[in-house]
Structures are given as C-alpha cells and as structure tokens.
Amino acid sequence: GIITTVLATMVRVEEMREINAYTATMVWIYSIVWFLIQDCVKVCAYAAIDCFSVVDRKGYLSVVQNKPKTPMDVNITRAYSHSLKIAISKVSSRKPLPNISSLS
C-alpha cells in the first residue's frame, strides 16, 4: 500500500532504481479508477440479477442456512491428505529408474 509506495519512491536497491513520485501517483490513480469502474459494474450486475430474478434468493438462502456447519480447514486437510496419499502411492508403485552409469 502506501508504505511500499513511499519505499519504492525513496529507497535505492543495488540493481534497481527508485521510481519517481509522478509514476507512483499515476499507478495509484489508475488503480483507483479501475476499482471504481469494476465496483459500479458489480453493483449493476447485482441489480440486474435481482431485477430479472436470475437467482432464487430465498432458495439460495435456505440452502446456505441449512448447510451443515463444518470447519473449512478440516475439509481442506482431508482433501490434501487424500491427494497426498494418491501421489505417494503412484510414486511408490513406479519401477526404479535405471542407473545411468550401468548403461554405458
């Protein structure tokens, strides 16, 4: 954010030169303008979705509210450990690579 911008305009690293304040300001202005444009498009999209009843809001809320409460990290850990077990079983079932020195 602001601290890194200040550092980028003031600190000189060995192989890099600092950027000038004009460039930093233009990057901030560019980012803020595109943020505002994207946010307006998002708000208009939500309004269109509500206006044309693209999504059944009551149905969606009932699904979300009735969903069982489980900690997300438990599911991620299960998925990771499952994929890790599959990867280990694939590696352990491979034939060993031939010794390159014995081929010559």
N, C-alpha and C. Protein backbone atom coordinates (compact mmCIF):
# COMPACT_ATOMS: atom_id res chain seq x y z
N GLY A 1 0.77 -1.16 0.00
CA GLY A 1 0.00 0.00 0.00
C GLY A 1 0.84 1.26 0.00
N ILE A 2 0.50 2.12 0.87
CA ILE A 2 1.13 3.45 0.90
C ILE A 2 2.58 3.34 1.35
N ILE A 3 2.84 2.48 2.33
CA ILE A 3 4.23 2.34 2.83
C ILE A 3 5.14 1.82 1.73
N THR A 4 4.68 0.81 0.98
CA THR A 4 5.52 0.27 -0.09
C THR A 4 5.70 1.29 -1.22
N THR A 5 4.70 2.12 -1.45
CA THR A 5 4.84 3.17 -2.46
C THR A 5 5.89 4.18 -2.04
N VAL A 6 5.85 4.57 -0.77
CA VAL A 6 6.85 5.51 -0.26
C VAL A 6 8.25 4.90 -0.35
N LEU A 7 8.36 3.62 0.03
CA LEU A 7 9.66 2.96 -0.05
C LEU A 7 10.14 2.87 -1.50
N ALA A 8 9.24 2.57 -2.42
CA ALA A 8 9.62 2.45 -3.83
C ALA A 8 10.09 3.77 -4.41
N THR A 9 9.58 4.88 -3.87
CA THR A 9 9.99 6.18 -4.41
C THR A 9 11.24 6.72 -3.71
N MET A 10 11.62 6.17 -2.57
CA MET A 10 12.73 6.73 -1.82
C MET A 10 13.96 5.82 -1.70
N VAL A 11 13.77 4.53 -1.75
CA VAL A 11 14.86 3.61 -1.48
C VAL A 11 15.49 3.15 -2.79
N ARG A 12 16.79 3.11 -2.79
CA ARG A 12 17.51 2.63 -3.96
C ARG A 12 18.18 1.30 -3.59
N VAL A 13 17.83 0.26 -4.36
CA VAL A 13 18.43 -1.06 -4.18
C VAL A 13 19.53 -1.17 -5.22
N GLU A 14 20.51 -2.03 -4.99
CA GLU A 14 21.70 -2.11 -5.84
C GLU A 14 21.40 -2.07 -7.33
N GLU A 15 20.61 -3.01 -7.83
CA GLU A 15 20.42 -3.13 -9.26
C GLU A 15 19.14 -2.45 -9.76
N MET A 16 18.36 -1.90 -8.84
CA MET A 16 17.11 -1.26 -9.23
C MET A 16 17.18 0.22 -8.88
N ARG A 17 16.52 1.02 -9.68
CA ARG A 17 16.45 2.43 -9.34
C ARG A 17 15.05 2.74 -8.82
N GLU A 18 14.94 3.74 -7.99
CA GLU A 18 13.63 4.08 -7.42
C GLU A 18 12.75 4.71 -8.51
N ILE A 19 11.43 4.60 -8.31
CA ILE A 19 10.52 5.23 -9.26
C ILE A 19 10.24 6.66 -8.77
N ASN A 20 9.86 7.51 -9.69
CA ASN A 20 9.60 8.89 -9.27
C ASN A 20 8.17 9.00 -8.73
N ALA A 21 7.88 10.09 -8.05
CA ALA A 21 6.59 10.28 -7.41
C ALA A 21 5.47 10.38 -8.44
N TYR A 22 5.75 10.91 -9.62
CA TYR A 22 4.74 11.01 -10.67
C TYR A 22 4.26 9.62 -11.09
N THR A 23 5.20 8.72 -11.30
CA THR A 23 4.84 7.36 -11.70
C THR A 23 4.02 6.67 -10.61
N ALA A 24 4.43 6.82 -9.37
CA ALA A 24 3.69 6.22 -8.26
C ALA A 24 2.27 6.78 -8.17
N THR A 25 2.14 8.09 -8.36
CA THR A 25 0.82 8.72 -8.32
C THR A 25 -0.06 8.23 -9.45
N MET A 26 0.50 8.11 -10.65
CA MET A 26 -0.28 7.63 -11.79
C MET A 26 -0.74 6.18 -11.59
N VAL A 27 0.10 5.37 -10.99
CA VAL A 27 -0.30 3.98 -10.70
C VAL A 27 -1.46 3.96 -9.71
N TRP A 28 -1.39 4.79 -8.67
CA TRP A 28 -2.49 4.86 -7.70
C TRP A 28 -3.78 5.35 -8.35
N ILE A 29 -3.69 6.38 -9.18
CA ILE A 29 -4.88 6.91 -9.85
C ILE A 29 -5.48 5.85 -10.78
N TYR A 30 -4.64 5.18 -11.55
CA TYR A 30 -5.08 4.12 -12.45
C TYR A 30 -5.80 3.02 -11.66
N SER A 31 -5.22 2.60 -10.55
CA SER A 31 -5.82 1.54 -9.74
C SER A 31 -7.16 1.96 -9.15
N ILE A 32 -7.24 3.17 -8.65
CA ILE A 32 -8.48 3.65 -8.04
C ILE A 32 -9.58 3.80 -9.09
N VAL A 33 -9.23 4.34 -10.27
CA VAL A 33 -10.24 4.50 -11.33
C VAL A 33 -10.80 3.13 -11.74
N TRP A 34 -9.93 2.15 -11.96
CA TRP A 34 -10.42 0.83 -12.36
C TRP A 34 -11.17 0.14 -11.23
N PHE A 35 -10.80 0.39 -9.99
CA PHE A 35 -11.57 -0.14 -8.86
C PHE A 35 -12.99 0.40 -8.90
N LEU A 36 -13.13 1.71 -9.11
CA LEU A 36 -14.46 2.32 -9.15
C LEU A 36 -15.29 1.80 -10.32
N ILE A 37 -14.66 1.64 -11.48
CA ILE A 37 -15.37 1.11 -12.65
C ILE A 37 -15.85 -0.31 -12.37
N GLN A 38 -14.97 -1.16 -11.85
CA GLN A 38 -15.36 -2.55 -11.56
C GLN A 38 -16.44 -2.63 -10.50
N ASP A 39 -16.36 -1.76 -9.50
CA ASP A 39 -17.37 -1.78 -8.45
C ASP A 39 -18.73 -1.36 -9.00
N CYS A 40 -18.76 -0.36 -9.87
CA CYS A 40 -20.03 0.06 -10.49
C CYS A 40 -20.61 -1.07 -11.34
N VAL A 41 -19.77 -1.75 -12.10
CA VAL A 41 -20.24 -2.87 -12.92
C VAL A 41 -20.79 -3.98 -12.02
N LYS A 42 -20.12 -4.25 -10.91
CA LYS A 42 -20.58 -5.28 -9.97
C LYS A 42 -21.95 -4.91 -9.40
N VAL A 43 -22.12 -3.67 -8.98
CA VAL A 43 -23.39 -3.23 -8.40
C VAL A 43 -24.50 -3.32 -9.45
N CYS A 44 -24.21 -2.92 -10.68
CA CYS A 44 -25.20 -3.01 -11.76
C CYS A 44 -25.55 -4.47 -12.07
N ALA A 45 -24.55 -5.34 -12.02
CA ALA A 45 -24.81 -6.76 -12.26
C ALA A 45 -25.71 -7.34 -11.17
N TYR A 46 -25.43 -7.00 -9.91
CA TYR A 46 -26.29 -7.47 -8.81
C TYR A 46 -27.71 -6.94 -8.97
N ALA A 47 -27.84 -5.68 -9.38
CA ALA A 47 -29.18 -5.10 -9.57
C ALA A 47 -29.92 -5.82 -10.70
N ALA A 48 -29.21 -6.14 -11.79
CA ALA A 48 -29.83 -6.86 -12.90
C ALA A 48 -30.24 -8.27 -12.48
N ILE A 49 -29.41 -8.92 -11.70
CA ILE A 49 -29.73 -10.27 -11.21
C ILE A 49 -30.98 -10.22 -10.35
N ASP A 50 -31.08 -9.22 -9.47
CA ASP A 50 -32.27 -9.07 -8.63
C ASP A 50 -33.49 -8.69 -9.46
N CYS A 51 -33.32 -7.80 -10.43
CA CYS A 51 -34.44 -7.30 -11.23
C CYS A 51 -35.06 -8.41 -12.08
N PHE A 52 -34.22 -9.23 -12.69
CA PHE A 52 -34.71 -10.27 -13.59
C PHE A 52 -34.89 -11.62 -12.91
N SER A 53 -34.70 -11.67 -11.60
CA SER A 53 -34.87 -12.91 -10.81
C SER A 53 -34.07 -14.06 -11.39
N VAL A 54 -32.82 -13.79 -11.70
CA VAL A 54 -31.94 -14.83 -12.24
C VAL A 54 -31.66 -15.89 -11.18
N VAL A 55 -31.52 -15.46 -9.95
CA VAL A 55 -31.23 -16.37 -8.84
C VAL A 55 -32.40 -16.36 -7.89
N ASP A 56 -32.82 -17.54 -7.46
CA ASP A 56 -33.88 -17.66 -6.46
C ASP A 56 -33.25 -17.39 -5.10
N ARG A 57 -33.37 -16.15 -4.64
CA ARG A 57 -32.70 -15.73 -3.42
C ARG A 57 -33.17 -16.51 -2.20
N LYS A 58 -34.48 -16.73 -2.08
CA LYS A 58 -35.00 -17.47 -0.92
C LYS A 58 -34.50 -18.91 -0.93
N GLY A 59 -34.49 -19.52 -2.11
CA GLY A 59 -33.98 -20.89 -2.21
C GLY A 59 -32.51 -20.97 -1.87
N TYR A 60 -31.75 -20.00 -2.37
CA TYR A 60 -30.32 -19.97 -2.07
C TYR A 60 -30.07 -19.80 -0.58
N LEU A 61 -30.79 -18.88 0.05
CA LEU A 61 -30.61 -18.64 1.48
C LEU A 61 -31.00 -19.87 2.29
N SER A 62 -32.04 -20.59 1.88
CA SER A 62 -32.43 -21.78 2.63
C SER A 62 -31.36 -22.86 2.52
N VAL A 63 -30.72 -22.98 1.36
CA VAL A 63 -29.64 -23.95 1.19
C VAL A 63 -28.46 -23.56 2.07
N VAL A 64 -28.10 -22.30 2.04
CA VAL A 64 -26.94 -21.84 2.81
C VAL A 64 -27.20 -21.97 4.31
N GLN A 65 -28.39 -21.63 4.76
CA GLN A 65 -28.69 -21.68 6.19
C GLN A 65 -28.82 -23.11 6.69
N ASN A 66 -29.22 -24.04 5.85
CA ASN A 66 -29.38 -25.43 6.26
C ASN A 66 -28.13 -26.27 6.04
N LYS A 67 -27.10 -25.68 5.49
CA LYS A 67 -25.86 -26.40 5.24
C LYS A 67 -25.22 -26.76 6.56
N PRO A 68 -24.73 -28.00 6.70
CA PRO A 68 -24.08 -28.38 7.96
C PRO A 68 -22.84 -27.53 8.21
N LYS A 69 -22.65 -27.18 9.45
CA LYS A 69 -21.52 -26.32 9.82
C LYS A 69 -20.30 -27.18 10.10
N THR A 70 -19.34 -27.14 9.21
CA THR A 70 -18.07 -27.83 9.41
C THR A 70 -16.95 -26.84 9.19
N PRO A 71 -15.91 -26.95 9.97
CA PRO A 71 -14.78 -26.05 9.76
C PRO A 71 -14.14 -26.31 8.40
N MET A 72 -13.86 -25.25 7.69
CA MET A 72 -13.31 -25.39 6.36
C MET A 72 -11.95 -26.06 6.37
N ASP A 73 -11.15 -25.79 7.39
CA ASP A 73 -9.80 -26.35 7.39
C ASP A 73 -9.84 -27.87 7.52
N VAL A 74 -10.88 -28.43 8.12
CA VAL A 74 -10.99 -29.89 8.22
C VAL A 74 -11.17 -30.47 6.82
N ASN A 75 -12.05 -29.88 6.03
CA ASN A 75 -12.28 -30.37 4.67
C ASN A 75 -11.03 -30.21 3.81
N ILE A 76 -10.34 -29.10 3.94
CA ILE A 76 -9.13 -28.87 3.16
C ILE A 76 -8.06 -29.88 3.55
N THR A 77 -7.93 -30.14 4.85
CA THR A 77 -6.94 -31.10 5.32
C THR A 77 -7.25 -32.49 4.80
N ARG A 78 -8.52 -32.87 4.81
CA ARG A 78 -8.90 -34.18 4.28
C ARG A 78 -8.58 -34.29 2.81
N ALA A 79 -8.92 -33.27 2.04
CA ALA A 79 -8.65 -33.29 0.59
C ALA A 79 -7.16 -33.35 0.32
N TYR A 80 -6.38 -32.57 1.08
CA TYR A 80 -4.94 -32.56 0.89
C TYR A 80 -4.33 -33.91 1.24
N SER A 81 -4.73 -34.48 2.37
CA SER A 81 -4.16 -35.76 2.78
C SER A 81 -4.55 -36.86 1.80
N HIS A 82 -5.78 -36.80 1.26
CA HIS A 82 -6.21 -37.79 0.28
C HIS A 82 -5.37 -37.69 -0.98
N SER A 83 -5.16 -36.47 -1.50
CA SER A 83 -4.37 -36.31 -2.72
C SER A 83 -2.91 -36.66 -2.47
N LEU A 84 -2.43 -36.40 -1.26
CA LEU A 84 -1.05 -36.76 -0.92
C LEU A 84 -0.89 -38.28 -0.89
N LYS A 85 -1.87 -38.99 -0.34
CA LYS A 85 -1.82 -40.47 -0.33
C LYS A 85 -1.81 -41.02 -1.74
N ILE A 86 -2.61 -40.43 -2.63
CA ILE A 86 -2.65 -40.88 -4.02
C ILE A 86 -1.30 -40.65 -4.68
N ALA A 87 -0.72 -39.47 -4.46
CA ALA A 87 0.58 -39.16 -5.07
C ALA A 87 1.66 -40.09 -4.56
N ILE A 88 1.65 -40.39 -3.26
CA ILE A 88 2.67 -41.29 -2.69
C ILE A 88 2.49 -42.70 -3.25
N SER A 89 1.25 -43.15 -3.39
CA SER A 89 1.03 -44.50 -3.91
C SER A 89 1.47 -44.60 -5.37
N LYS A 90 1.29 -43.51 -6.15
CA LYS A 90 1.75 -43.53 -7.53
C LYS A 90 3.26 -43.58 -7.62
N VAL A 91 3.92 -42.81 -6.76
CA VAL A 91 5.38 -42.78 -6.78
C VAL A 91 5.95 -44.11 -6.30
N SER A 92 5.38 -44.68 -5.26
CA SER A 92 5.91 -45.93 -4.71
C SER A 92 5.64 -47.12 -5.62
N SER A 93 4.64 -47.03 -6.51
CA SER A 93 4.33 -48.15 -7.40
C SER A 93 5.15 -48.11 -8.69
N ARG A 94 5.93 -47.06 -8.90
CA ARG A 94 6.76 -46.97 -10.11
C ARG A 94 7.95 -47.90 -10.00
N LYS A 95 8.43 -48.31 -11.16
CA LYS A 95 9.66 -49.09 -11.20
C LYS A 95 10.83 -48.14 -10.94
N PRO A 96 11.87 -48.60 -10.28
CA PRO A 96 13.01 -47.71 -10.05
C PRO A 96 13.68 -47.35 -11.38
N LEU A 97 14.21 -46.14 -11.44
CA LEU A 97 14.92 -45.69 -12.62
C LEU A 97 16.23 -46.44 -12.76
N PRO A 98 16.63 -46.73 -14.00
CA PRO A 98 17.91 -47.44 -14.17
C PRO A 98 19.08 -46.53 -13.81
N ASN A 99 20.15 -47.15 -13.36
CA ASN A 99 21.36 -46.41 -13.03
C ASN A 99 22.04 -46.02 -14.33
N ILE A 100 22.30 -44.74 -14.52
CA ILE A 100 22.87 -44.25 -15.77
C ILE A 100 24.27 -44.79 -15.98
N SER A 101 25.04 -44.94 -14.95
CA SER A 101 26.42 -45.41 -15.10
C SER A 101 26.47 -46.87 -15.55
N SER A 102 25.42 -47.65 -15.26
CA SER A 102 25.44 -49.05 -15.65
C SER A 102 25.00 -49.23 -17.10
N LEU A 103 24.48 -48.20 -17.75
CA LEU A 103 24.02 -48.31 -19.12
C LEU A 103 25.17 -48.24 -20.12
N SER A 104 26.28 -47.67 -19.75
CA SER A 104 27.37 -47.50 -20.72
C SER A 104 28.30 -48.66 -20.76
